[in-house]
């Protein structure tokens, strides 16, 4: 059995948090940290 999360947010909030436009990682795990997973986002080309 599997469970799914989906999230969206403006990248301007990342900029406000200190992002300079370079590569970054996204990480998730449970509160026990039994298993963790990391990915860096792809960029869809702007028009």
ModelCIF file with pLDDT and N, C-alpha, C, O atoms, coordinates in Angstrom:
data_MODEL
#
_entry.id   MODEL 
#
_entity.id                         1 
_entity.type                       polymer 
_entity.pdbx_number_of_molecules   1 
#
_entity_poly.entity_id                      1 
_entity_poly.type                           'polypeptide(L)' 
_entity_poly.nstd_linkage                   no 
_entity_poly.nstd_monomer                   no 
_entity_poly.pdbx_seq_one_letter_code       
;(UNK)(UNK)(UNK)(UNK)(UNK)(UNK)(UNK)(UNK)(UNK)(UNK)(UNK)(UNK)(UNK)(UNK)(UNK)(UNK)
(UNK)(UNK)(UNK)(UNK)(UNK)(UNK)(UNK)(UNK)(UNK)(UNK)(UNK)(UNK)(UNK)(UNK)(UNK)(UNK)
(UNK)(UNK)(UNK)(UNK)(UNK)(UNK)(UNK)(UNK)(UNK)(UNK)(UNK)(UNK)(UNK)(UNK)(UNK)
;
_entity_poly.pdbx_seq_one_letter_code_can   XXXXXXXXXXXXXXXXXXXXXXXXXXXXXXXXXXXXXXXXXXXXXXX 
_entity_poly.pdbx_strand_id                 A 
#
loop_
_entity_poly_seq.entity_id 
_entity_poly_seq.num 
_entity_poly_seq.mon_id 
_entity_poly_seq.hetero 
1 1  UNK n 
1 2  UNK n 
1 3  UNK n 
1 4  UNK n 
1 5  UNK n 
1 6  UNK n 
1 7  UNK n 
1 8  UNK n 
1 9  UNK n 
1 10 UNK n 
1 11 UNK n 
1 12 UNK n 
1 13 UNK n 
1 14 UNK n 
1 15 UNK n 
1 16 UNK n 
1 17 UNK n 
1 18 UNK n 
1 19 UNK n 
1 20 UNK n 
1 21 UNK n 
1 22 UNK n 
1 23 UNK n 
1 24 UNK n 
1 25 UNK n 
1 26 UNK n 
1 27 UNK n 
1 28 UNK n 
1 29 UNK n 
1 30 UNK n 
1 31 UNK n 
1 32 UNK n 
1 33 UNK n 
1 34 UNK n 
1 35 UNK n 
1 36 UNK n 
1 37 UNK n 
1 38 UNK n 
1 39 UNK n 
1 40 UNK n 
1 41 UNK n 
1 42 UNK n 
1 43 UNK n 
1 44 UNK n 
1 45 UNK n 
1 46 UNK n 
1 47 UNK n 
#
_struct_asym.id          A 
_struct_asym.entity_id   1 
#
loop_
_ma_qa_metric.id 
_ma_qa_metric.mode 
_ma_qa_metric.name 
_ma_qa_metric.software_group_id 
_ma_qa_metric.type 
1 global pLDDT . pLDDT 
2 local  pLDDT . pLDDT 
#
_ma_qa_metric_global.metric_id      1 
_ma_qa_metric_global.metric_value   94.06 
_ma_qa_metric_global.model_id       1 
_ma_qa_metric_global.ordinal_id     1 
#
loop_
_ma_qa_metric_local.label_asym_id 
_ma_qa_metric_local.label_comp_id 
_ma_qa_metric_local.label_seq_id 
_ma_qa_metric_local.metric_id 
_ma_qa_metric_local.metric_value 
_ma_qa_metric_local.model_id 
_ma_qa_metric_local.ordinal_id 
A UNK 1  2 95.00 1 1  
A UNK 2  2 96.00 1 2  
A UNK 3  2 98.00 1 3  
A UNK 4  2 98.00 1 4  
A UNK 5  2 98.00 1 5  
A UNK 6  2 98.00 1 6  
A UNK 7  2 98.00 1 7  
A UNK 8  2 98.00 1 8  
A UNK 9  2 98.00 1 9  
A UNK 10 2 98.00 1 10 
A UNK 11 2 98.00 1 11 
A UNK 12 2 98.00 1 12 
A UNK 13 2 98.00 1 13 
A UNK 14 2 98.00 1 14 
A UNK 15 2 98.00 1 15 
A UNK 16 2 98.00 1 16 
A UNK 17 2 98.00 1 17 
A UNK 18 2 97.00 1 18 
A UNK 19 2 98.00 1 19 
A UNK 20 2 96.00 1 20 
A UNK 21 2 95.00 1 21 
A UNK 22 2 95.00 1 22 
A UNK 23 2 96.00 1 23 
A UNK 24 2 98.00 1 24 
A UNK 25 2 98.00 1 25 
A UNK 26 2 98.00 1 26 
A UNK 27 2 98.00 1 27 
A UNK 28 2 98.00 1 28 
A UNK 29 2 96.00 1 29 
A UNK 30 2 96.00 1 30 
A UNK 31 2 96.00 1 31 
A UNK 32 2 95.00 1 32 
A UNK 33 2 95.00 1 33 
A UNK 34 2 93.00 1 34 
A UNK 35 2 93.00 1 35 
A UNK 36 2 94.00 1 36 
A UNK 37 2 96.00 1 37 
A UNK 38 2 97.00 1 38 
A UNK 39 2 98.00 1 39 
A UNK 40 2 97.00 1 40 
A UNK 41 2 97.00 1 41 
A UNK 42 2 93.00 1 42 
A UNK 43 2 91.00 1 43 
A UNK 44 2 83.00 1 44 
A UNK 45 2 70.00 1 45 
A UNK 46 2 59.00 1 46 
A UNK 47 2 54.00 1 47 
#
loop_
_atom_site.group_PDB 
_atom_site.id 
_atom_site.type_symbol 
_atom_site.label_atom_id 
_atom_site.label_alt_id 
_atom_site.label_comp_id 
_atom_site.label_asym_id 
_atom_site.label_entity_id 
_atom_site.label_seq_id 
_atom_site.pdbx_PDB_ins_code 
_atom_site.Cartn_x 
_atom_site.Cartn_y 
_atom_site.Cartn_z 
_atom_site.occupancy 
_atom_site.B_iso_or_equiv 
_atom_site.pdbx_formal_charge 
_atom_site.auth_seq_id 
_atom_site.auth_comp_id 
_atom_site.auth_asym_id 
_atom_site.auth_atom_id 
_atom_site.pdbx_PDB_model_num 
ATOM 1   N N  . UNK A 1 1  ? 0.840  -1.194 0.000   1.00 95.00 ? 1  UNK A N  1 
ATOM 2   C CA . UNK A 1 1  ? 0.000  0.000  0.000   1.00 95.00 ? 1  UNK A CA 1 
ATOM 3   C C  . UNK A 1 1  ? 0.877  1.246  0.000   1.00 95.00 ? 1  UNK A C  1 
ATOM 4   O O  . UNK A 1 1  ? 1.918  1.295  0.655   1.00 95.00 ? 1  UNK A O  1 
ATOM 5   N N  . UNK A 1 2  ? 0.427  2.260  -0.756  1.00 96.00 ? 2  UNK A N  1 
ATOM 6   C CA . UNK A 1 2  ? 1.197  3.486  -0.925  1.00 96.00 ? 2  UNK A CA 1 
ATOM 7   C C  . UNK A 1 2  ? 0.308  4.694  -0.651  1.00 96.00 ? 2  UNK A C  1 
ATOM 8   O O  . UNK A 1 2  ? -0.908 4.657  -0.839  1.00 96.00 ? 2  UNK A O  1 
ATOM 9   N N  . UNK A 1 3  ? 0.962  5.774  -0.198  1.00 98.00 ? 3  UNK A N  1 
ATOM 10  C CA . UNK A 1 3  ? 0.278  7.028  0.113   1.00 98.00 ? 3  UNK A CA 1 
ATOM 11  C C  . UNK A 1 3  ? 1.032  8.151  -0.592  1.00 98.00 ? 3  UNK A C  1 
ATOM 12  O O  . UNK A 1 3  ? 2.251  8.090  -0.753  1.00 98.00 ? 3  UNK A O  1 
ATOM 13  N N  . UNK A 1 4  ? 0.294  9.175  -1.010  1.00 98.00 ? 4  UNK A N  1 
ATOM 14  C CA . UNK A 1 4  ? 0.874  10.190 -1.884  1.00 98.00 ? 4  UNK A CA 1 
ATOM 15  C C  . UNK A 1 4  ? 0.697  11.600 -1.309  1.00 98.00 ? 4  UNK A C  1 
ATOM 16  O O  . UNK A 1 4  ? -0.324 11.923 -0.702  1.00 98.00 ? 4  UNK A O  1 
ATOM 17  N N  . UNK A 1 5  ? 1.720  12.419 -1.522  1.00 98.00 ? 5  UNK A N  1 
ATOM 18  C CA . UNK A 1 5  ? 1.678  13.844 -1.189  1.00 98.00 ? 5  UNK A CA 1 
ATOM 19  C C  . UNK A 1 5  ? 1.910  14.633 -2.473  1.00 98.00 ? 5  UNK A C  1 
ATOM 20  O O  . UNK A 1 5  ? 2.633  14.194 -3.368  1.00 98.00 ? 5  UNK A O  1 
ATOM 21  N N  . UNK A 1 6  ? 1.290  15.796 -2.546  1.00 98.00 ? 6  UNK A N  1 
ATOM 22  C CA . UNK A 1 6  ? 1.553  16.749 -3.628  1.00 98.00 ? 6  UNK A CA 1 
ATOM 23  C C  . UNK A 1 6  ? 1.598  18.151 -3.034  1.00 98.00 ? 6  UNK A C  1 
ATOM 24  O O  . UNK A 1 6  ? 0.806  18.496 -2.157  1.00 98.00 ? 6  UNK A O  1 
ATOM 25  N N  . UNK A 1 7  ? 2.543  18.955 -3.530  1.00 98.00 ? 7  UNK A N  1 
ATOM 26  C CA . UNK A 1 7  ? 2.764  20.299 -2.991  1.00 98.00 ? 7  UNK A CA 1 
ATOM 27  C C  . UNK A 1 7  ? 3.112  21.235 -4.136  1.00 98.00 ? 7  UNK A C  1 
ATOM 28  O O  . UNK A 1 7  ? 3.764  20.831 -5.099  1.00 98.00 ? 7  UNK A O  1 
ATOM 29  N N  . UNK A 1 8  ? 2.676  22.490 -4.030  1.00 98.00 ? 8  UNK A N  1 
ATOM 30  C CA . UNK A 1 8  ? 3.170  23.537 -4.924  1.00 98.00 ? 8  UNK A CA 1 
ATOM 31  C C  . UNK A 1 8  ? 3.353  24.822 -4.128  1.00 98.00 ? 8  UNK A C  1 
ATOM 32  O O  . UNK A 1 8  ? 2.608  25.094 -3.187  1.00 98.00 ? 8  UNK A O  1 
ATOM 33  N N  . UNK A 1 9  ? 4.353  25.607 -4.516  1.00 98.00 ? 9  UNK A N  1 
ATOM 34  C CA . UNK A 1 9  ? 4.604  26.896 -3.868  1.00 98.00 ? 9  UNK A CA 1 
ATOM 35  C C  . UNK A 1 9  ? 5.375  27.793 -4.811  1.00 98.00 ? 9  UNK A C  1 
ATOM 36  O O  . UNK A 1 9  ? 6.089  27.299 -5.684  1.00 98.00 ? 9  UNK A O  1 
ATOM 37  N N  . UNK A 1 10 ? 5.246  29.108 -4.655  1.00 98.00 ? 10 UNK A N  1 
ATOM 38  C CA . UNK A 1 10 ? 5.989  30.032 -5.517  1.00 98.00 ? 10 UNK A CA 1 
ATOM 39  C C  . UNK A 1 10 ? 7.487  29.964 -5.233  1.00 98.00 ? 10 UNK A C  1 
ATOM 40  O O  . UNK A 1 10 ? 7.897  29.890 -4.074  1.00 98.00 ? 10 UNK A O  1 
ATOM 41  N N  . UNK A 1 11 ? 8.289  29.989 -6.267  1.00 98.00 ? 11 UNK A N  1 
ATOM 42  C CA . UNK A 1 11 ? 9.732  29.996 -6.058  1.00 98.00 ? 11 UNK A CA 1 
ATOM 43  C C  . UNK A 1 11 ? 10.195 31.298 -5.412  1.00 98.00 ? 11 UNK A C  1 
ATOM 44  O O  . UNK A 1 11 ? 11.298 31.351 -4.867  1.00 98.00 ? 11 UNK A O  1 
ATOM 45  N N  . UNK A 1 12 ? 9.375  32.353 -5.460  1.00 98.00 ? 12 UNK A N  1 
ATOM 46  C CA . UNK A 1 12 ? 9.739  33.620 -4.807  1.00 98.00 ? 12 UNK A CA 1 
ATOM 47  C C  . UNK A 1 12 ? 9.896  33.424 -3.301  1.00 98.00 ? 12 UNK A C  1 
ATOM 48  O O  . UNK A 1 12 ? 10.673 34.137 -2.665  1.00 98.00 ? 12 UNK A O  1 
ATOM 49  N N  . UNK A 1 13 ? 9.163  32.460 -2.719  1.00 98.00 ? 13 UNK A N  1 
ATOM 50  C CA . UNK A 1 13 ? 9.321  32.179 -1.292  1.00 98.00 ? 13 UNK A CA 1 
ATOM 51  C C  . UNK A 1 13 ? 10.678 31.560 -1.017  1.00 98.00 ? 13 UNK A C  1 
ATOM 52  O O  . UNK A 1 13 ? 11.281 31.815 0.026   1.00 98.00 ? 13 UNK A O  1 
ATOM 53  N N  . UNK A 1 14 ? 11.165 30.743 -1.952  1.00 98.00 ? 14 UNK A N  1 
ATOM 54  C CA . UNK A 1 14 ? 12.500 30.181 -1.799  1.00 98.00 ? 14 UNK A CA 1 
ATOM 55  C C  . UNK A 1 14 ? 13.550 31.289 -1.860  1.00 98.00 ? 14 UNK A C  1 
ATOM 56  O O  . UNK A 1 14 ? 14.522 31.278 -1.104  1.00 98.00 ? 14 UNK A O  1 
ATOM 57  N N  . UNK A 1 15 ? 13.346 32.234 -2.759  1.00 98.00 ? 15 UNK A N  1 
ATOM 58  C CA . UNK A 1 15 ? 14.254 33.372 -2.855  1.00 98.00 ? 15 UNK A CA 1 
ATOM 59  C C  . UNK A 1 15 ? 14.271 34.152 -1.544  1.00 98.00 ? 15 UNK A C  1 
ATOM 60  O O  . UNK A 1 15 ? 15.331 34.565 -1.074  1.00 98.00 ? 15 UNK A O  1 
ATOM 61  N N  . UNK A 1 16 ? 13.082 34.352 -0.953  1.00 98.00 ? 16 UNK A N  1 
ATOM 62  C CA . UNK A 1 16 ? 13.000 35.049 0.330   1.00 98.00 ? 16 UNK A CA 1 
ATOM 63  C C  . UNK A 1 16 ? 13.712 34.294 1.433   1.00 98.00 ? 16 UNK A C  1 
ATOM 64  O O  . UNK A 1 16 ? 14.162 34.895 2.408   1.00 98.00 ? 16 UNK A O  1 
ATOM 65  N N  . UNK A 1 17 ? 13.819 32.963 1.289   1.00 98.00 ? 17 UNK A N  1 
ATOM 66  C CA . UNK A 1 17 ? 14.496 32.137 2.295   1.00 98.00 ? 17 UNK A CA 1 
ATOM 67  C C  . UNK A 1 17 ? 15.996 32.043 2.054   1.00 98.00 ? 17 UNK A C  1 
ATOM 68  O O  . UNK A 1 17 ? 16.712 31.425 2.841   1.00 98.00 ? 17 UNK A O  1 
ATOM 69  N N  . UNK A 1 18 ? 16.485 32.656 0.961   1.00 97.00 ? 18 UNK A N  1 
ATOM 70  C CA . UNK A 1 18 ? 17.916 32.672 0.712   1.00 97.00 ? 18 UNK A CA 1 
ATOM 71  C C  . UNK A 1 18 ? 18.375 31.967 -0.545  1.00 97.00 ? 18 UNK A C  1 
ATOM 72  O O  . UNK A 1 18 ? 19.577 31.873 -0.797  1.00 97.00 ? 18 UNK A O  1 
ATOM 73  N N  . UNK A 1 19 ? 17.432 31.464 -1.349  1.00 98.00 ? 19 UNK A N  1 
ATOM 74  C CA . UNK A 1 19 ? 17.808 30.765 -2.583  1.00 98.00 ? 19 UNK A CA 1 
ATOM 75  C C  . UNK A 1 19 ? 18.329 31.760 -3.606  1.00 98.00 ? 19 UNK A C  1 
ATOM 76  O O  . UNK A 1 19 ? 17.712 32.798 -3.845  1.00 98.00 ? 19 UNK A O  1 
ATOM 77  N N  . UNK A 1 20 ? 19.475 31.437 -4.213  1.00 96.00 ? 20 UNK A N  1 
ATOM 78  C CA . UNK A 1 20 ? 20.085 32.325 -5.208  1.00 96.00 ? 20 UNK A CA 1 
ATOM 79  C C  . UNK A 1 20 ? 19.888 31.826 -6.634  1.00 96.00 ? 20 UNK A C  1 
ATOM 80  O O  . UNK A 1 20 ? 20.521 32.329 -7.562  1.00 96.00 ? 20 UNK A O  1 
ATOM 81  N N  . UNK A 1 21 ? 19.014 30.839 -6.812  1.00 95.00 ? 21 UNK A N  1 
ATOM 82  C CA . UNK A 1 21 ? 18.758 30.312 -8.145  1.00 95.00 ? 21 UNK A CA 1 
ATOM 83  C C  . UNK A 1 21 ? 19.599 29.105 -8.504  1.00 95.00 ? 21 UNK A C  1 
ATOM 84  O O  . UNK A 1 21 ? 19.419 28.532 -9.579  1.00 95.00 ? 21 UNK A O  1 
ATOM 85  N N  . UNK A 1 22 ? 20.515 28.702 -7.630  1.00 95.00 ? 22 UNK A N  1 
ATOM 86  C CA . UNK A 1 22 ? 21.364 27.548 -7.915  1.00 95.00 ? 22 UNK A CA 1 
ATOM 87  C C  . UNK A 1 22 ? 20.623 26.260 -7.580  1.00 95.00 ? 22 UNK A C  1 
ATOM 88  O O  . UNK A 1 22 ? 19.481 26.293 -7.121  1.00 95.00 ? 22 UNK A O  1 
ATOM 89  N N  . UNK A 1 23 ? 21.272 25.138 -7.810  1.00 96.00 ? 23 UNK A N  1 
ATOM 90  C CA . UNK A 1 23 ? 20.654 23.834 -7.566  1.00 96.00 ? 23 UNK A CA 1 
ATOM 91  C C  . UNK A 1 23 ? 20.352 23.650 -6.079  1.00 96.00 ? 23 UNK A C  1 
ATOM 92  O O  . UNK A 1 23 ? 21.063 24.170 -5.219  1.00 96.00 ? 23 UNK A O  1 
ATOM 93  N N  . UNK A 1 24 ? 19.297 22.909 -5.796  1.00 98.00 ? 24 UNK A N  1 
ATOM 94  C CA . UNK A 1 24 ? 18.972 22.616 -4.399  1.00 98.00 ? 24 UNK A CA 1 
ATOM 95  C C  . UNK A 1 24 ? 18.334 21.240 -4.304  1.00 98.00 ? 24 UNK A C  1 
ATOM 96  O O  . UNK A 1 24 ? 17.838 20.700 -5.293  1.00 98.00 ? 24 UNK A O  1 
ATOM 97  N N  . UNK A 1 25 ? 18.354 20.678 -3.096  1.00 98.00 ? 25 UNK A N  1 
ATOM 98  C CA . UNK A 1 25 ? 17.776 19.372 -2.823  1.00 98.00 ? 25 UNK A CA 1 
ATOM 99  C C  . UNK A 1 25 ? 16.492 19.508 -2.019  1.00 98.00 ? 25 UNK A C  1 
ATOM 100 O O  . UNK A 1 25 ? 16.325 20.446 -1.240  1.00 98.00 ? 25 UNK A O  1 
ATOM 101 N N  . UNK A 1 26 ? 15.589 18.555 -2.221  1.00 98.00 ? 26 UNK A N  1 
ATOM 102 C CA . UNK A 1 26 ? 14.391 18.417 -1.400  1.00 98.00 ? 26 UNK A CA 1 
ATOM 103 C C  . UNK A 1 26 ? 14.466 17.061 -0.712  1.00 98.00 ? 26 UNK A C  1 
ATOM 104 O O  . UNK A 1 26 ? 14.749 16.051 -1.356  1.00 98.00 ? 26 UNK A O  1 
ATOM 105 N N  . UNK A 1 27 ? 14.218 17.034 0.580   1.00 98.00 ? 27 UNK A N  1 
ATOM 106 C CA . UNK A 1 27 ? 14.403 15.835 1.403   1.00 98.00 ? 27 UNK A CA 1 
ATOM 107 C C  . UNK A 1 27 ? 13.122 15.565 2.184   1.00 98.00 ? 27 UNK A C  1 
ATOM 108 O O  . UNK A 1 27 ? 12.431 16.491 2.610   1.00 98.00 ? 27 UNK A O  1 
ATOM 109 N N  . UNK A 1 28 ? 12.815 14.270 2.366   1.00 98.00 ? 28 UNK A N  1 
ATOM 110 C CA . UNK A 1 28 ? 11.691 13.899 3.236   1.00 98.00 ? 28 UNK A CA 1 
ATOM 111 C C  . UNK A 1 28 ? 12.019 12.627 3.983   1.00 98.00 ? 28 UNK A C  1 
ATOM 112 O O  . UNK A 1 28 ? 12.684 11.735 3.457   1.00 98.00 ? 28 UNK A O  1 
ATOM 113 N N  . UNK A 1 29 ? 11.546 12.553 5.216   1.00 96.00 ? 29 UNK A N  1 
ATOM 114 C CA . UNK A 1 29 ? 11.604 11.324 5.997   1.00 96.00 ? 29 UNK A CA 1 
ATOM 115 C C  . UNK A 1 29 ? 10.528 11.382 7.072   1.00 96.00 ? 29 UNK A C  1 
ATOM 116 O O  . UNK A 1 29 ? 9.896  12.421 7.267   1.00 96.00 ? 29 UNK A O  1 
ATOM 117 N N  . UNK A 1 30 ? 10.319 10.277 7.764   1.00 96.00 ? 30 UNK A N  1 
ATOM 118 C CA . UNK A 1 30 ? 9.384  10.261 8.889   1.00 96.00 ? 30 UNK A CA 1 
ATOM 119 C C  . UNK A 1 30 ? 10.088 10.817 10.134  1.00 96.00 ? 30 UNK A C  1 
ATOM 120 O O  . UNK A 1 30 ? 11.293 11.067 10.114  1.00 96.00 ? 30 UNK A O  1 
ATOM 121 N N  . UNK A 1 31 ? 9.326  11.007 11.213  1.00 96.00 ? 31 UNK A N  1 
ATOM 122 C CA . UNK A 1 31 ? 9.901  11.578 12.430  1.00 96.00 ? 31 UNK A CA 1 
ATOM 123 C C  . UNK A 1 31 ? 10.915 10.665 13.101  1.00 96.00 ? 31 UNK A C  1 
ATOM 124 O O  . UNK A 1 31 ? 11.692 11.124 13.938  1.00 96.00 ? 31 UNK A O  1 
ATOM 125 N N  . UNK A 1 32 ? 10.924 9.390  12.755  1.00 95.00 ? 32 UNK A N  1 
ATOM 126 C CA . UNK A 1 32 ? 11.955 8.471  13.268  1.00 95.00 ? 32 UNK A CA 1 
ATOM 127 C C  . UNK A 1 32 ? 13.174 8.443  12.350  1.00 95.00 ? 32 UNK A C  1 
ATOM 128 O O  . UNK A 1 32 ? 14.237 7.962  12.744  1.00 95.00 ? 32 UNK A O  1 
ATOM 129 N N  . UNK A 1 33 ? 13.027 8.954  11.139  1.00 95.00 ? 33 UNK A N  1 
ATOM 130 C CA . UNK A 1 33 ? 14.086 8.912  10.110  1.00 95.00 ? 33 UNK A CA 1 
ATOM 131 C C  . UNK A 1 33 ? 14.445 7.484  9.727   1.00 95.00 ? 33 UNK A C  1 
ATOM 132 O O  . UNK A 1 33 ? 15.599 7.203  9.405   1.00 95.00 ? 33 UNK A O  1 
ATOM 133 N N  . UNK A 1 34 ? 13.475 6.579  9.758   1.00 93.00 ? 34 UNK A N  1 
ATOM 134 C CA . UNK A 1 34 ? 13.757 5.211  9.321   1.00 93.00 ? 34 UNK A CA 1 
ATOM 135 C C  . UNK A 1 34 ? 14.206 5.168  7.874   1.00 93.00 ? 34 UNK A C  1 
ATOM 136 O O  . UNK A 1 34 ? 15.136 4.438  7.531   1.00 93.00 ? 34 UNK A O  1 
ATOM 137 N N  . UNK A 1 35 ? 13.554 5.942  7.026   1.00 93.00 ? 35 UNK A N  1 
ATOM 138 C CA . UNK A 1 35 ? 13.913 5.966  5.608   1.00 93.00 ? 35 UNK A CA 1 
ATOM 139 C C  . UNK A 1 35 ? 13.834 7.405  5.130   1.00 93.00 ? 35 UNK A C  1 
ATOM 140 O O  . UNK A 1 35 ? 12.917 8.132  5.512   1.00 93.00 ? 35 UNK A O  1 
ATOM 141 N N  . UNK A 1 36 ? 14.764 7.821  4.314   1.00 94.00 ? 36 UNK A N  1 
ATOM 142 C CA . UNK A 1 36 ? 14.765 9.181  3.781   1.00 94.00 ? 36 UNK A CA 1 
ATOM 143 C C  . UNK A 1 36 ? 14.939 9.130  2.278   1.00 94.00 ? 36 UNK A C  1 
ATOM 144 O O  . UNK A 1 36 ? 15.395 8.131  1.721   1.00 94.00 ? 36 UNK A O  1 
ATOM 145 N N  . UNK A 1 37 ? 14.563 10.235 1.624   1.00 96.00 ? 37 UNK A N  1 
ATOM 146 C CA . UNK A 1 37 ? 14.663 10.296 0.170   1.00 96.00 ? 37 UNK A CA 1 
ATOM 147 C C  . UNK A 1 37 ? 14.928 11.740 -0.237  1.00 96.00 ? 37 UNK A C  1 
ATOM 148 O O  . UNK A 1 37 ? 14.403 12.664 0.384   1.00 96.00 ? 37 UNK A O  1 
ATOM 149 N N  . UNK A 1 38 ? 15.731 11.941 -1.265  1.00 97.00 ? 38 UNK A N  1 
ATOM 150 C CA . UNK A 1 38 ? 16.184 13.270 -1.693  1.00 97.00 ? 38 UNK A CA 1 
ATOM 151 C C  . UNK A 1 38 ? 16.094 13.377 -3.202  1.00 97.00 ? 38 UNK A C  1 
ATOM 152 O O  . UNK A 1 38 ? 16.379 12.418 -3.919  1.00 97.00 ? 38 UNK A O  1 
ATOM 153 N N  . UNK A 1 39 ? 15.696 14.552 -3.686  1.00 98.00 ? 39 UNK A N  1 
ATOM 154 C CA . UNK A 1 39 ? 15.690 14.817 -5.129  1.00 98.00 ? 39 UNK A CA 1 
ATOM 155 C C  . UNK A 1 39 ? 15.984 16.291 -5.361  1.00 98.00 ? 39 UNK A C  1 
ATOM 156 O O  . UNK A 1 39 ? 15.693 17.130 -4.508  1.00 98.00 ? 39 UNK A O  1 
ATOM 157 N N  . UNK A 1 40 ? 16.558 16.603 -6.507  1.00 97.00 ? 40 UNK A N  1 
ATOM 158 C CA . UNK A 1 40 ? 16.715 18.001 -6.926  1.00 97.00 ? 40 UNK A CA 1 
ATOM 159 C C  . UNK A 1 40 ? 15.747 18.259 -8.080  1.00 97.00 ? 40 UNK A C  1 
ATOM 160 O O  . UNK A 1 40 ? 15.594 17.401 -8.949  1.00 97.00 ? 40 UNK A O  1 
ATOM 161 N N  . UNK A 1 41 ? 15.090 19.422 -8.110  1.00 97.00 ? 41 UNK A N  1 
ATOM 162 C CA . UNK A 1 41 ? 14.057 19.666 -9.118  1.00 97.00 ? 41 UNK A CA 1 
ATOM 163 C C  . UNK A 1 41 ? 14.618 19.872 -10.524 1.00 97.00 ? 41 UNK A C  1 
ATOM 164 O O  . UNK A 1 41 ? 15.711 20.410 -10.701 1.00 97.00 ? 41 UNK A O  1 
ATOM 165 N N  . UNK A 1 42 ? 13.851 19.435 -11.511 1.00 93.00 ? 42 UNK A N  1 
ATOM 166 C CA . UNK A 1 42 ? 14.123 19.800 -12.895 1.00 93.00 ? 42 UNK A CA 1 
ATOM 167 C C  . UNK A 1 42 ? 13.443 21.129 -13.182 1.00 93.00 ? 42 UNK A C  1 
ATOM 168 O O  . UNK A 1 42 ? 12.571 21.570 -12.433 1.00 93.00 ? 42 UNK A O  1 
ATOM 169 N N  . UNK A 1 43 ? 13.849 21.754 -14.263 1.00 91.00 ? 43 UNK A N  1 
ATOM 170 C CA . UNK A 1 43 ? 13.253 23.030 -14.670 1.00 91.00 ? 43 UNK A CA 1 
ATOM 171 C C  . UNK A 1 43 ? 12.629 22.861 -16.044 1.00 91.00 ? 43 UNK A C  1 
ATOM 172 O O  . UNK A 1 43 ? 13.299 22.464 -16.998 1.00 91.00 ? 43 UNK A O  1 
ATOM 173 N N  . UNK A 1 44 ? 11.355 23.162 -16.137 1.00 83.00 ? 44 UNK A N  1 
ATOM 174 C CA . UNK A 1 44 ? 10.688 23.161 -17.433 1.00 83.00 ? 44 UNK A CA 1 
ATOM 175 C C  . UNK A 1 44 ? 11.026 24.479 -18.124 1.00 83.00 ? 44 UNK A C  1 
ATOM 176 O O  . UNK A 1 44 ? 10.897 25.533 -17.502 1.00 83.00 ? 44 UNK A O  1 
ATOM 177 N N  . UNK A 1 45 ? 11.459 24.460 -19.402 1.00 70.00 ? 45 UNK A N  1 
ATOM 178 C CA . UNK A 1 45 ? 11.873 25.695 -20.069 1.00 70.00 ? 45 UNK A CA 1 
ATOM 179 C C  . UNK A 1 45 ? 10.769 26.735 -20.084 1.00 70.00 ? 45 UNK A C  1 
ATOM 180 O O  . UNK A 1 45 ? 9.599  26.432 -20.321 1.00 70.00 ? 45 UNK A O  1 
ATOM 181 N N  . UNK A 1 46 ? 11.176 27.971 -19.824 1.00 59.00 ? 46 UNK A N  1 
ATOM 182 C CA . UNK A 1 46 ? 10.252 29.097 -19.888 1.00 59.00 ? 46 UNK A CA 1 
ATOM 183 C C  . UNK A 1 46 ? 9.848  29.357 -21.337 1.00 59.00 ? 46 UNK A C  1 
ATOM 184 O O  . UNK A 1 46 ? 10.629 29.074 -22.245 1.00 59.00 ? 46 UNK A O  1 
ATOM 185 N N  . UNK A 1 47 ? 8.646  29.890 -21.578 1.00 54.00 ? 47 UNK A N  1 
ATOM 186 C CA . UNK A 1 47 ? 8.267  30.263 -22.950 1.00 54.00 ? 47 UNK A CA 1 
ATOM 187 C C  . UNK A 1 47 ? 9.272  31.204 -23.594 1.00 54.00 ? 47 UNK A C  1 
ATOM 188 O O  . UNK A 1 47 ? 9.093  31.606 -24.743 1.00 54.00 ? 47 UNK A O  1 
#
